[in-house]
Amino acid sequence: MKKALNRIQRDCCPLSRRTFLARCAACAGCASVSGLYAPIGRAQPAGSKPKIRAVFCETDNTRPIWPNIGYDFESRRRALLNRLQTDCPELEFLPAVLMDRPDDAQAVLQQDHEVQGYVLFLQGLGWRNDIVSLCKTGKPTLLVDNLFGGSGLFLTRISTIRNLQKPVDWVASANDDDIVASVRAFRGLAEGKSADQIAAAFREIRHQRTARPSAVELQADAQTPRRLEQVLNELKQTTVLVVGGTGWGGEQFREAAARELGLKFQSVSFEELRAAYQAAPESASRELAQTWIRNAERVVEPTEEEIIKSARMFYGMKSLMDRYQARGITVNCLGGFYGGHLDAYPCLGFVELNNQGLVGGCEADQMSALTMMVMGLATGRPGYISDPVVDTSTYSIIYAHCVAMTRPFGPTGPANPYRIRNHSEDRKGAAVQSLLPAGYVVTTLEINPVQRAVRLHRARTVGNHESDMACRTKLIAVVSGDLEKLVEEWQWGWHRVTVYGDWRPLVEELCQRCKFQLIDEA
């Protein structure tokens, strides 16, 4: 524990280690003198400031992460602290940094006797940063998402944190003014307000500052689903390959998919895909790469040779699909590329497969691959796997990933512009920034045969986000419904699958036929 505390003190900026020790670590020696600390719910002595622990949840920026490798955590941390110290002079902020190590959170808690509240800044995707423990203290706690940084940790933990029924609330906004406005609520501690009253103030401020849903002029979009009985029959004859592991949900998910929907998953090793990649036709790969380059709005980072490698990966995946008579493939792409099992990312190959009416799915995510397959067969349109990010300042959800189709209305529909980029997290390989069309209703969902349920929300697309942080494709959409409900009841991991069109009636029919529960997320 002492080592963890030393790490936290060493990593924190802009305070020096000596200043941090003077402000923070000394409280461990004073813990028994309870009179030195003003308990929450009692007015403080005149002239004293409530002490707020500002915890920056980060990770090592020398490896592939969200926001991206090399992200300047220190500058963002310093800017936030400077802003808070300037705009909230009635509060004293005690900074600490968590570096993706579970014991860091315990080290902070052990020496926080004098602290009366917490602000947890989720700066990056340190999945092992124990924010749940930091939300159990009973002290007022404000959870702040650094959009395109800690968004996955935020969305996948918020439901658990809400169920603790502790005085915790949250901010997920691109506008730093919203963060400052919420943090000011800690001033109530000096007036003797309780932790619950402070948390209620956080919530009220967030409600006041959350944008109202904007009107979106919708484009014409004729939608004609296929007969569901035919779709369900085809699913029984359908195989999806899973490369590099058993994928999300493991064998239990595969068994449920076969039992409830008839869909079969087939494991394939990295070695088999690598062999297929190496056997890919050189001339055809170069020709496909040139087609991708020619049709792109522009190529930003990747070299021509890198794009040719991506074309070879497409032919490798397609040959495996032909061998196993599969209509889809999902690859443990991050593990495969980072682990040296794959020579190229499959991102551009997935784009090609999805544009052709097949399924190319990211990260060996079996649930998303199943959802893409069901919706693709039923609608004739591809699905887009994403890591969603919520922004209350625009009442929007941003669907972010380094893969997306460029023919969102199906193989014979119009194509949208795209750019060929490198993969965002590690700035290597080749991926796509698809500039998906605005002015359409989209349906976002996951189909879970284990739970025998579907989670679904709808939104209206308004454009594409140009931030260099996180994944390349970022489709912005205004949520139809209750954005707060969508956030606070988020379940089943981070991924969602988005399909152009309003397909709720189709999904309702699917749930009726399969006796699945339909959960309206928003």
Protein backbone atom coordinates (compact mmCIF):
# COMPACT_ATOMS: atom_id res chain seq x y z
CA MET A 1 0.00 0.00 0.00
CA LYS A 2 2.86 2.41 0.81
CA LYS A 3 4.35 1.73 -2.63
CA ALA A 4 1.00 2.50 -4.26
CA LEU A 5 0.75 5.78 -2.36
CA ASN A 6 4.27 6.69 -3.43
CA ARG A 7 3.30 6.05 -7.05
CA ILE A 8 0.25 8.27 -6.74
CA GLN A 9 2.29 11.06 -5.21
CA ARG A 10 5.02 10.70 -7.83
CA ASP A 11 2.63 10.69 -10.78
CA CYS A 12 0.52 13.67 -9.73
CA CYS A 13 1.03 17.07 -11.38
CA PRO A 14 1.38 20.01 -11.15
CA LEU A 15 2.07 19.74 -7.41
CA SER A 16 5.56 18.65 -6.39
CA ARG A 17 6.03 15.46 -4.43
CA ARG A 18 7.03 17.48 -1.37
CA THR A 19 3.87 19.65 -1.59
CA PHE A 20 1.69 16.61 -2.13
CA LEU A 21 3.16 14.89 0.91
CA ALA A 22 2.63 17.96 3.02
CA ARG A 23 -1.01 18.27 1.97
CA CYS A 24 -2.05 14.64 1.71
CA ALA A 25 0.13 11.98 3.26
CA ALA A 26 0.44 13.76 6.59
CA CYS A 27 -3.22 13.07 7.29
CA ALA A 28 -2.35 9.42 7.97
CA GLY A 29 -0.45 10.56 11.07
CA CYS A 30 -3.37 12.75 12.20
CA ALA A 31 -6.12 10.19 11.68
CA SER A 32 -6.66 9.64 15.38
CA VAL A 33 -7.22 13.36 16.04
CA SER A 34 -10.78 13.44 14.83
CA GLY A 35 -11.29 17.03 15.95
CA LEU A 36 -9.09 18.27 13.11
CA TYR A 37 -11.63 17.17 10.50
CA ALA A 38 -15.02 18.79 9.96
CA PRO A 39 -17.54 15.97 9.54
CA ILE A 40 -19.88 16.12 6.56
CA GLY A 41 -23.19 17.65 7.55
CA ARG A 42 -21.70 20.13 10.04
CA ALA A 43 -20.77 23.73 9.24
CA GLN A 44 -17.01 24.26 9.03
CA PRO A 45 -15.00 26.76 11.08
CA ALA A 46 -14.98 30.27 9.62
CA GLY A 47 -12.32 30.73 6.98
CA SER A 48 -11.71 27.02 6.33
CA LYS A 49 -12.21 25.49 2.92
CA PRO A 50 -13.81 22.11 2.16
CA LYS A 51 -11.08 19.71 1.02
CA ILE A 52 -11.93 17.94 -2.22
CA ARG A 53 -9.87 15.06 -3.54
CA ALA A 54 -9.44 15.45 -7.32
CA VAL A 55 -8.62 11.95 -8.58
CA PHE A 56 -7.33 11.67 -12.16
CA CYS A 57 -7.90 8.14 -13.47
CA GLU A 58 -5.30 7.60 -16.17
CA THR A 59 -3.06 4.94 -17.66
CA ASP A 60 0.32 4.57 -19.32
CA ASN A 61 0.31 6.60 -22.54
CA THR A 62 3.19 4.64 -24.08
CA ARG A 63 0.84 1.84 -25.10
CA PRO A 64 -2.35 1.67 -27.22
CA ILE A 65 -5.18 3.26 -25.26
CA TRP A 66 -8.12 5.61 -25.42
CA PRO A 67 -7.70 8.53 -26.07
CA ASN A 68 -4.58 7.41 -28.04
CA ILE A 69 -0.97 6.47 -27.59
CA GLY A 70 1.04 9.54 -26.54
CA TYR A 71 -1.99 11.44 -25.21
CA ASP A 72 -0.87 14.33 -22.99
CA PHE A 73 -2.60 13.43 -19.73
CA GLU A 74 -0.49 15.91 -17.80
CA SER A 75 -1.63 18.93 -19.82
CA ARG A 76 -5.28 17.99 -19.51
CA ARG A 77 -4.84 17.36 -15.78
CA ARG A 78 -3.09 20.70 -15.26
CA ALA A 79 -5.73 22.59 -17.26
CA LEU A 80 -8.56 21.12 -15.19
CA LEU A 81 -6.83 21.83 -11.89
CA ASN A 82 -6.00 25.39 -12.88
CA ARG A 83 -9.58 25.96 -13.97
CA LEU A 84 -11.00 24.59 -10.73
CA GLN A 85 -8.58 26.51 -8.53
CA THR A 86 -9.41 29.73 -10.40
CA ASP A 87 -13.18 29.33 -10.59
CA CYS A 88 -13.77 27.60 -7.25
CA PRO A 89 -11.54 29.53 -4.80
CA GLU A 90 -13.76 28.54 -1.86
CA LEU A 91 -12.56 24.92 -2.24
CA GLU A 92 -9.19 23.26 -1.64
CA PHE A 93 -8.32 20.60 -4.21
CA LEU A 94 -6.00 17.74 -3.29
CA PRO A 95 -4.92 15.98 -6.50
CA ALA A 96 -4.07 12.31 -6.95
CA VAL A 97 -3.47 10.11 -9.98
CA LEU A 98 -4.56 6.51 -10.49
CA MET A 99 -2.44 4.66 -13.05
CA ASP A 100 -4.52 1.59 -13.98
CA ARG A 101 -3.58 -0.31 -10.80
CA PRO A 102 -6.37 -1.45 -8.46
CA ASP A 103 -4.37 -0.80 -5.26
CA ASP A 104 -3.96 2.89 -6.16
CA ALA A 105 -7.58 3.55 -5.18
CA GLN A 106 -7.11 1.85 -1.81
CA ALA A 107 -3.99 3.93 -1.18
CA VAL A 108 -5.99 7.12 -1.73
CA LEU A 109 -8.80 5.98 0.54
CA GLN A 110 -6.48 5.01 3.40
CA GLN A 111 -5.09 8.51 3.75
CA ASP A 112 -8.25 10.51 3.06
CA HIS A 113 -9.55 11.16 6.57
CA GLU A 114 -9.57 14.93 6.04
CA VAL A 115 -11.17 14.79 2.59
CA GLN A 116 -14.85 15.73 2.45
CA GLY A 117 -15.64 14.98 -1.19
CA TYR A 118 -14.32 13.53 -4.42
CA VAL A 119 -14.15 14.51 -8.06
CA LEU A 120 -13.15 11.54 -10.21
CA PHE A 121 -11.86 12.54 -13.62
CA LEU A 122 -11.94 9.55 -15.98
CA GLN A 123 -9.12 10.69 -18.22
CA GLY A 124 -8.33 7.50 -20.15
CA LEU A 125 -9.24 3.85 -20.42
CA GLY A 126 -7.49 2.41 -17.41
CA TRP A 127 -9.86 -0.53 -17.02
CA ARG A 128 -8.30 -1.53 -13.68
CA ASN A 129 -8.75 1.88 -12.08
CA ASP A 130 -11.10 1.04 -9.20
CA ILE A 131 -13.57 3.88 -9.45
CA VAL A 132 -16.34 1.78 -7.86
CA SER A 133 -14.46 1.65 -4.53
CA LEU A 134 -13.90 5.40 -4.68
CA CYS A 135 -17.67 5.85 -5.03
CA LYS A 136 -18.47 3.82 -1.89
CA THR A 137 -17.18 6.31 0.71
CA GLY A 138 -20.50 7.98 1.47
CA LYS A 139 -18.88 11.34 0.78
CA PRO A 140 -20.29 13.43 -2.07
CA THR A 141 -18.64 12.27 -5.29
CA LEU A 142 -18.76 13.68 -8.79
CA LEU A 143 -17.82 11.39 -11.69
CA VAL A 144 -16.49 13.27 -14.76
CA ASP A 145 -15.97 11.63 -18.16
CA ASN A 146 -13.16 12.97 -20.34
CA LEU A 147 -15.03 12.41 -23.61
CA PHE A 148 -13.19 9.98 -25.90
CA GLY A 149 -10.88 9.20 -22.98
CA GLY A 150 -12.57 7.44 -20.07
CA SER A 151 -15.94 6.95 -21.73
CA GLY A 152 -15.83 3.15 -21.73
CA LEU A 153 -15.01 3.02 -18.02
CA PHE A 154 -17.75 5.56 -17.36
CA LEU A 155 -20.55 3.83 -19.27
CA THR A 156 -19.72 0.29 -18.15
CA ARG A 157 -19.45 1.22 -14.43
CA ILE A 158 -22.17 3.83 -13.98
CA SER A 159 -25.01 1.35 -13.46
CA THR A 160 -23.06 -0.48 -10.75
CA ILE A 161 -22.18 2.82 -9.10
CA ARG A 162 -25.79 4.02 -9.16
CA ASN A 163 -26.91 0.77 -7.54
CA LEU A 164 -24.64 1.51 -4.56
CA GLN A 165 -27.15 4.23 -3.63
CA LYS A 166 -24.35 6.52 -2.49
CA PRO A 167 -24.21 10.32 -2.92
CA VAL A 168 -22.67 10.13 -6.40
CA ASP A 169 -23.57 11.90 -9.60
CA TRP A 170 -21.91 12.51 -12.95
CA VAL A 171 -20.96 14.87 -15.76
CA ALA A 172 -20.38 13.76 -19.37
CA SER A 173 -20.04 16.97 -21.36
CA ALA A 174 -17.75 18.45 -23.98
CA ASN A 175 -18.18 21.82 -22.23
CA ASP A 176 -15.80 22.27 -19.28
CA ASP A 177 -18.14 24.97 -17.94
CA ASP A 178 -20.51 22.13 -17.04
CA ILE A 179 -17.80 20.48 -14.96
CA VAL A 180 -17.00 23.70 -13.10
CA ALA A 181 -20.68 24.43 -12.44
CA SER A 182 -21.15 21.01 -10.84
CA VAL A 183 -17.95 21.19 -8.78
CA ARG A 184 -19.11 24.50 -7.29
CA ALA A 185 -21.84 22.56 -5.51
CA PHE A 186 -19.16 21.32 -3.06
CA ARG A 187 -19.29 24.82 -1.54
CA GLY A 188 -22.39 23.66 0.29
CA LEU A 189 -20.15 21.60 2.58
CA ALA A 190 -18.99 24.83 4.25
CA GLU A 191 -22.64 25.59 5.00
CA GLY A 192 -23.22 22.25 6.69
CA LYS A 193 -25.08 20.59 3.81
CA SER A 194 -25.15 16.80 3.84
CA ALA A 195 -23.58 14.49 1.28
CA ASP A 196 -27.02 13.69 -0.12
CA GLN A 197 -27.81 17.38 -0.50
CA ILE A 198 -24.54 17.98 -2.35
CA ALA A 199 -25.21 15.04 -4.70
CA ALA A 200 -28.73 16.33 -5.32
CA ALA A 201 -27.20 19.68 -6.25
CA PHE A 202 -24.86 17.93 -8.73
CA ARG A 203 -27.87 16.34 -10.34
CA GLU A 204 -29.93 19.51 -10.46
CA ILE A 205 -27.08 21.45 -12.03
CA ARG A 206 -26.59 18.72 -14.64
CA HIS A 207 -30.29 18.75 -15.46
CA GLN A 208 -30.25 22.52 -15.85
CA ARG A 209 -27.23 22.46 -18.13
CA THR A 210 -28.15 19.44 -20.28
CA ALA A 211 -29.16 20.60 -23.75
CA ARG A 212 -32.65 19.99 -25.00
CA PRO A 213 -32.85 17.62 -28.00
CA SER A 214 -32.47 19.62 -31.18
CA ALA A 215 -34.77 19.23 -34.15
CA VAL A 216 -33.28 17.26 -37.03
CA GLU A 217 -34.53 17.58 -40.60
CA LEU A 218 -34.85 13.99 -41.76
CA GLN A 219 -34.10 12.70 -45.25
CA ALA A 220 -36.42 10.32 -47.07
CA ASP A 221 -35.55 6.71 -46.27
CA ALA A 222 -37.68 3.90 -47.65
CA GLN A 223 -37.44 0.90 -45.35
CA THR A 224 -38.72 -2.53 -46.32
CA PRO A 225 -37.68 -5.39 -44.06
CA ARG A 226 -37.73 -8.98 -45.23
CA ARG A 227 -40.21 -11.49 -43.84
CA LEU A 228 -38.93 -12.45 -40.41
CA GLU A 229 -39.83 -16.10 -40.84
CA GLN A 230 -37.46 -16.29 -43.81
CA VAL A 231 -34.74 -14.51 -41.84
CA LEU A 232 -35.01 -16.92 -38.92
CA ASN A 233 -34.81 -19.88 -41.29
CA GLU A 234 -31.66 -18.46 -42.89
CA LEU A 235 -30.06 -17.93 -39.50
CA LYS A 236 -30.25 -21.68 -38.93
CA GLN A 237 -28.01 -22.13 -41.96
CA THR A 238 -25.57 -19.37 -41.01
CA THR A 239 -22.06 -19.57 -39.55
CA VAL A 240 -19.90 -16.78 -38.15
CA LEU A 241 -16.17 -17.34 -37.66
CA VAL A 242 -14.47 -16.20 -34.44
CA VAL A 243 -10.72 -15.71 -34.84
CA GLY A 244 -8.36 -15.75 -31.88
CA GLY A 245 -10.39 -17.01 -28.93
CA THR A 246 -13.93 -17.85 -27.91
CA GLY A 247 -15.03 -14.23 -28.04
CA TRP A 248 -17.40 -12.18 -25.89
CA GLY A 249 -19.65 -14.44 -23.82
CA GLY A 250 -17.67 -17.60 -24.53
CA GLU A 251 -19.28 -20.98 -24.99
CA GLN A 252 -22.38 -20.04 -23.02
CA PHE A 253 -23.18 -17.36 -25.57
CA ARG A 254 -22.55 -19.72 -28.50
CA GLU A 255 -24.87 -22.33 -27.07
CA ALA A 256 -27.60 -19.75 -26.49
CA ALA A 257 -27.18 -18.34 -30.02
CA ALA A 258 -27.60 -21.80 -31.53
CA ARG A 259 -30.50 -22.70 -29.24
CA GLU A 260 -32.50 -19.47 -29.54
CA LEU A 261 -31.69 -18.29 -33.07
CA GLY A 262 -29.95 -21.17 -34.82
CA LEU A 263 -26.76 -19.17 -35.51
CA LYS A 264 -23.50 -21.14 -35.30
CA PHE A 265 -20.12 -19.75 -34.24
CA GLN A 266 -16.94 -21.49 -35.42
CA SER A 267 -13.54 -20.93 -33.79
CA VAL A 268 -10.54 -20.26 -36.02
CA SER A 269 -6.98 -19.76 -34.77
CA PHE A 270 -4.75 -16.79 -35.45
CA GLU A 271 -2.39 -19.20 -37.19
CA GLU A 272 -5.07 -20.22 -39.68
CA LEU A 273 -5.91 -16.62 -40.49
CA ARG A 274 -2.23 -15.72 -40.79
CA ALA A 275 -1.70 -18.58 -43.25
CA ALA A 276 -4.68 -17.42 -45.29
CA TYR A 277 -3.32 -13.87 -45.25
CA GLN A 278 0.08 -15.04 -46.49
CA ALA A 279 -1.59 -17.02 -49.28
CA ALA A 280 -3.70 -14.07 -50.46
CA PRO A 281 -3.26 -13.22 -54.17
CA GLU A 282 -0.74 -10.40 -54.54
CA SER A 283 -2.12 -8.87 -57.74
CA ALA A 284 -5.72 -8.89 -56.53
CA SER A 285 -4.64 -7.37 -53.22
CA ARG A 286 -2.84 -4.52 -54.97
CA GLU A 287 -5.83 -3.92 -57.23
CA LEU A 288 -8.26 -3.80 -54.28
CA ALA A 289 -5.94 -1.45 -52.38
CA GLN A 290 -5.83 0.90 -55.36
CA THR A 291 -9.62 0.86 -55.54
CA TRP A 292 -9.85 1.81 -51.86
CA ILE A 293 -7.31 4.60 -52.37
CA ARG A 294 -8.95 5.90 -55.53
CA ASN A 295 -12.41 6.04 -53.94
CA ALA A 296 -11.25 7.64 -50.69
CA GLU A 297 -11.70 11.34 -50.06
CA ARG A 298 -8.06 11.20 -49.03
CA VAL A 299 -5.43 8.97 -47.45
CA VAL A 300 -4.13 10.63 -44.30
CA GLU A 301 -1.49 8.48 -42.60
CA PRO A 302 -1.07 4.94 -44.03
CA THR A 303 1.40 4.12 -46.78
CA GLU A 304 0.32 2.33 -49.93
CA GLU A 305 2.07 -0.84 -48.72
CA GLU A 306 0.09 -0.73 -45.46
CA ILE A 307 -3.16 -0.52 -47.41
CA ILE A 308 -2.08 -3.43 -49.61
CA LYS A 309 -1.51 -5.48 -46.43
CA SER A 310 -5.08 -4.63 -45.39
CA ALA A 311 -6.33 -5.86 -48.78
CA ARG A 312 -4.42 -9.12 -48.29
CA MET A 313 -6.12 -9.44 -44.89
CA PHE A 314 -9.49 -9.05 -46.62
CA TYR A 315 -8.70 -11.88 -49.03
CA GLY A 316 -7.38 -13.99 -46.17
CA MET A 317 -10.59 -13.53 -44.19
CA LYS A 318 -12.75 -14.13 -47.25
CA SER A 319 -10.94 -17.37 -48.07
CA LEU A 320 -11.59 -18.64 -44.53
CA MET A 321 -15.26 -17.70 -44.84
CA ASP A 322 -15.46 -19.60 -48.12
CA ARG A 323 -13.71 -22.61 -46.58
CA TYR A 324 -16.16 -22.78 -43.67
CA GLN A 325 -19.16 -21.58 -45.71
CA ALA A 326 -19.54 -18.67 -43.30
CA ARG A 327 -21.40 -15.39 -43.86
CA GLY A 328 -19.51 -13.48 -41.21
CA ILE A 329 -16.25 -13.22 -39.33
CA THR A 330 -15.21 -11.47 -36.11
CA VAL A 331 -11.55 -11.19 -35.14
CA ASN A 332 -9.77 -10.57 -31.85
CA CYS A 333 -8.08 -7.79 -33.77
CA LEU A 334 -6.47 -5.88 -30.91
CA GLY A 335 -5.06 -8.99 -29.28
CA GLY A 336 -3.97 -10.32 -32.64
CA PHE A 337 -2.20 -7.16 -33.78
CA TYR A 338 -0.71 -6.14 -30.44
CA GLY A 339 0.40 -9.72 -29.80
CA GLY A 340 2.16 -10.06 -33.16
CA HIS A 341 -0.26 -12.71 -34.46
CA LEU A 342 -1.52 -10.50 -37.31
CA ASP A 343 0.54 -8.49 -39.77
CA ALA A 344 -2.32 -6.11 -40.58
CA TYR A 345 -5.48 -4.84 -38.98
CA PRO A 346 -8.68 -6.30 -40.49
CA CYS A 347 -10.45 -2.89 -40.39
CA LEU A 348 -10.53 -2.12 -44.14
CA GLY A 349 -11.39 -5.74 -44.85
CA PHE A 350 -14.36 -5.47 -42.48
CA VAL A 351 -15.53 -2.38 -44.38
CA GLU A 352 -15.41 -4.33 -47.63
CA LEU A 353 -17.28 -7.32 -46.17
CA ASN A 354 -20.00 -5.15 -44.65
CA ASN A 355 -20.41 -3.20 -47.88
CA GLN A 356 -20.93 -6.51 -49.69
CA GLY A 357 -23.76 -7.56 -47.38
CA LEU A 358 -21.63 -9.91 -45.26
CA VAL A 359 -20.51 -9.38 -41.65
CA GLY A 360 -17.07 -8.24 -40.53
CA GLY A 361 -17.07 -7.67 -36.80
CA CYS A 362 -14.54 -6.16 -34.41
CA GLU A 363 -12.82 -7.59 -31.34
CA ALA A 364 -14.27 -11.11 -31.43
CA ASP A 365 -17.50 -9.63 -30.06
CA GLN A 366 -19.93 -12.48 -30.61
CA MET A 367 -23.00 -10.55 -29.42
CA SER A 368 -22.36 -7.67 -31.79
CA ALA A 369 -21.58 -10.06 -34.65
CA LEU A 370 -24.86 -11.87 -34.00
CA THR A 371 -26.72 -8.55 -33.91
CA MET A 372 -25.11 -7.48 -37.18
CA MET A 373 -26.03 -10.77 -38.81
CA VAL A 374 -29.67 -10.74 -37.69
CA MET A 375 -30.20 -7.11 -38.67
CA GLY A 376 -28.29 -7.49 -41.92
CA LEU A 377 -30.39 -10.44 -43.04
CA ALA A 378 -33.60 -8.69 -41.98
CA THR A 379 -32.95 -5.21 -43.37
CA GLY A 380 -30.38 -5.65 -46.13
CA ARG A 381 -28.27 -3.01 -44.38
CA PRO A 382 -24.96 -3.39 -42.53
CA GLY A 383 -24.51 -2.77 -38.83
CA TYR A 384 -21.81 -0.58 -37.33
CA ILE A 385 -20.13 -1.70 -34.09
CA SER A 386 -19.12 1.23 -31.93
CA ASP A 387 -17.84 2.38 -28.56
CA PRO A 388 -20.47 5.00 -27.69
CA VAL A 389 -19.69 8.32 -26.00
CA VAL A 390 -22.37 10.55 -24.44
CA ASP A 391 -22.33 14.36 -24.53
CA THR A 392 -25.02 16.10 -22.46
CA SER A 393 -24.03 19.52 -23.84
CA THR A 394 -25.56 18.52 -27.18
CA TYR A 395 -27.96 15.78 -25.99
CA SER A 396 -26.07 13.44 -28.27
CA ILE A 397 -24.43 10.07 -28.45
CA ILE A 398 -21.31 9.65 -30.56
CA TYR A 399 -20.82 6.18 -32.04
CA ALA A 400 -17.03 5.80 -32.30
CA HIS A 401 -14.90 3.05 -33.88
CA CYS A 402 -12.10 2.58 -36.40
CA VAL A 403 -14.41 0.51 -38.60
CA ALA A 404 -17.67 1.43 -40.29
CA MET A 405 -19.41 0.66 -43.54
CA THR A 406 -19.37 3.23 -46.33
CA ARG A 407 -22.63 1.93 -47.83
CA PRO A 408 -25.02 2.30 -44.87
CA PHE A 409 -28.13 1.60 -46.99
CA GLY A 410 -26.87 -1.72 -48.32
CA PRO A 411 -24.68 -3.01 -51.18
CA THR A 412 -26.75 -1.30 -53.88
CA GLY A 413 -27.28 1.92 -51.95
CA PRO A 414 -25.27 5.14 -52.23
CA ALA A 415 -21.75 5.33 -50.81
CA ASN A 416 -20.64 8.05 -48.42
CA PRO A 417 -17.20 9.72 -48.35
CA TYR A 418 -14.43 8.17 -46.30
CA ARG A 419 -10.78 8.71 -45.40
CA ILE A 420 -8.16 6.05 -44.92
CA ARG A 421 -6.51 6.59 -41.56
CA ASN A 422 -4.25 4.69 -39.21
CA HIS A 423 -5.71 2.86 -36.24
CA SER A 424 -6.27 5.49 -33.59
CA GLU A 425 -5.19 3.83 -30.35
CA ASP A 426 -1.68 2.88 -31.51
CA ARG A 427 -1.40 5.07 -34.64
CA LYS A 428 -0.44 2.05 -36.75
CA GLY A 429 -1.89 0.06 -39.63
CA ALA A 430 -4.84 1.17 -41.75
CA ALA A 431 -8.42 1.88 -40.72
CA VAL A 432 -11.33 3.99 -41.94
CA GLN A 433 -12.91 7.28 -41.03
CA SER A 434 -16.34 6.89 -42.58
CA LEU A 435 -18.21 10.20 -42.94
CA LEU A 436 -21.65 8.72 -42.44
CA PRO A 437 -24.74 10.63 -43.64
CA ALA A 438 -26.68 13.06 -41.45
CA GLY A 439 -30.44 13.46 -41.31
CA TYR A 440 -31.48 9.85 -40.75
CA VAL A 441 -33.04 7.83 -37.96
CA VAL A 442 -30.72 5.06 -36.76
CA THR A 443 -31.54 2.08 -34.56
CA THR A 444 -28.86 0.99 -32.11
CA LEU A 445 -29.13 -2.32 -30.31
CA GLU A 446 -27.67 -5.56 -29.00
CA ILE A 447 -29.40 -8.94 -29.20
CA ASN A 448 -28.54 -11.18 -26.25
CA PRO A 449 -29.77 -14.79 -26.52
CA VAL A 450 -28.34 -15.64 -23.08
CA GLN A 451 -30.56 -13.04 -21.41
CA ARG A 452 -33.26 -13.65 -24.03
CA ALA A 453 -33.52 -9.89 -24.41
CA VAL A 454 -32.76 -7.00 -26.76
CA ARG A 455 -31.57 -3.56 -25.66
CA LEU A 456 -32.46 -0.82 -28.14
CA HIS A 457 -32.47 2.95 -28.56
CA ARG A 458 -33.02 5.25 -31.51
CA ALA A 459 -31.38 8.52 -32.52
CA ARG A 460 -31.18 11.00 -35.41
CA THR A 461 -27.83 11.51 -37.10
CA VAL A 462 -26.48 15.07 -37.31
CA GLY A 463 -22.89 14.73 -38.52
CA ASN A 464 -19.43 13.37 -37.82
CA HIS A 465 -17.07 14.37 -35.00
CA GLU A 466 -13.58 15.43 -36.06
CA SER A 467 -11.73 14.98 -32.74
CA ASP A 468 -8.36 13.26 -33.11
CA MET A 469 -8.94 11.49 -29.79
CA ALA A 470 -10.11 7.88 -29.77
CA CYS A 471 -11.50 6.01 -32.76
CA ARG A 472 -11.54 7.40 -36.29
CA THR A 473 -15.21 7.15 -37.28
CA LYS A 474 -17.45 9.18 -34.95
CA LEU A 475 -21.10 9.41 -35.95
CA ILE A 476 -22.99 12.04 -33.93
CA ALA A 477 -26.68 11.47 -33.26
CA VAL A 478 -29.31 13.19 -31.10
CA VAL A 479 -30.89 10.62 -28.81
CA SER A 480 -34.60 10.00 -29.16
CA GLY A 481 -35.80 9.63 -25.59
CA ASP A 482 -34.25 10.02 -22.16
CA LEU A 483 -30.46 10.49 -22.37
CA GLU A 484 -30.05 10.19 -18.59
CA LYS A 485 -31.84 6.83 -18.56
CA LEU A 486 -29.65 5.64 -21.43
CA VAL A 487 -26.53 6.45 -19.42
CA GLU A 488 -27.57 5.26 -15.97
CA GLU A 489 -29.05 1.93 -17.08
CA TRP A 490 -26.28 0.99 -19.54
CA GLN A 491 -25.68 -2.78 -19.56
CA TRP A 492 -23.99 -5.60 -21.52
CA GLY A 493 -20.57 -4.09 -22.05
CA TRP A 494 -19.62 -1.05 -24.07
CA HIS A 495 -20.31 -2.03 -27.70
CA ARG A 496 -23.52 -1.28 -29.56
CA VAL A 497 -24.54 -1.97 -33.18
CA THR A 498 -26.09 0.86 -35.19
CA VAL A 499 -28.19 0.31 -38.33
CA TYR A 500 -29.58 3.08 -40.50
CA GLY A 501 -33.38 3.18 -40.37
CA ASP A 502 -36.13 3.01 -37.76
CA TRP A 503 -36.27 -0.71 -37.13
CA ARG A 504 -38.08 -0.79 -33.80
CA PRO A 505 -41.23 -2.45 -35.28
CA LEU A 506 -39.03 -5.16 -36.81
CA VAL A 507 -37.26 -5.75 -33.50
CA GLU A 508 -40.59 -5.84 -31.67
CA GLU A 509 -41.73 -8.61 -34.02
CA LEU A 510 -38.45 -10.47 -33.51
CA CYS A 511 -38.91 -10.31 -29.74
CA GLN A 512 -42.50 -11.53 -29.99
CA ARG A 513 -41.52 -14.49 -32.15
CA CYS A 514 -38.51 -15.46 -30.03
CA LYS A 515 -40.17 -14.55 -26.72
CA PHE A 516 -37.37 -12.10 -25.94
CA GLN A 517 -37.78 -9.05 -23.73
CA LEU A 518 -37.41 -5.69 -25.50
CA ILE A 519 -35.64 -3.13 -23.32
CA ASP A 520 -35.96 0.48 -24.47
CA GLU A 521 -32.65 1.95 -23.28
CA ALA A 522 -33.77 5.56 -23.63
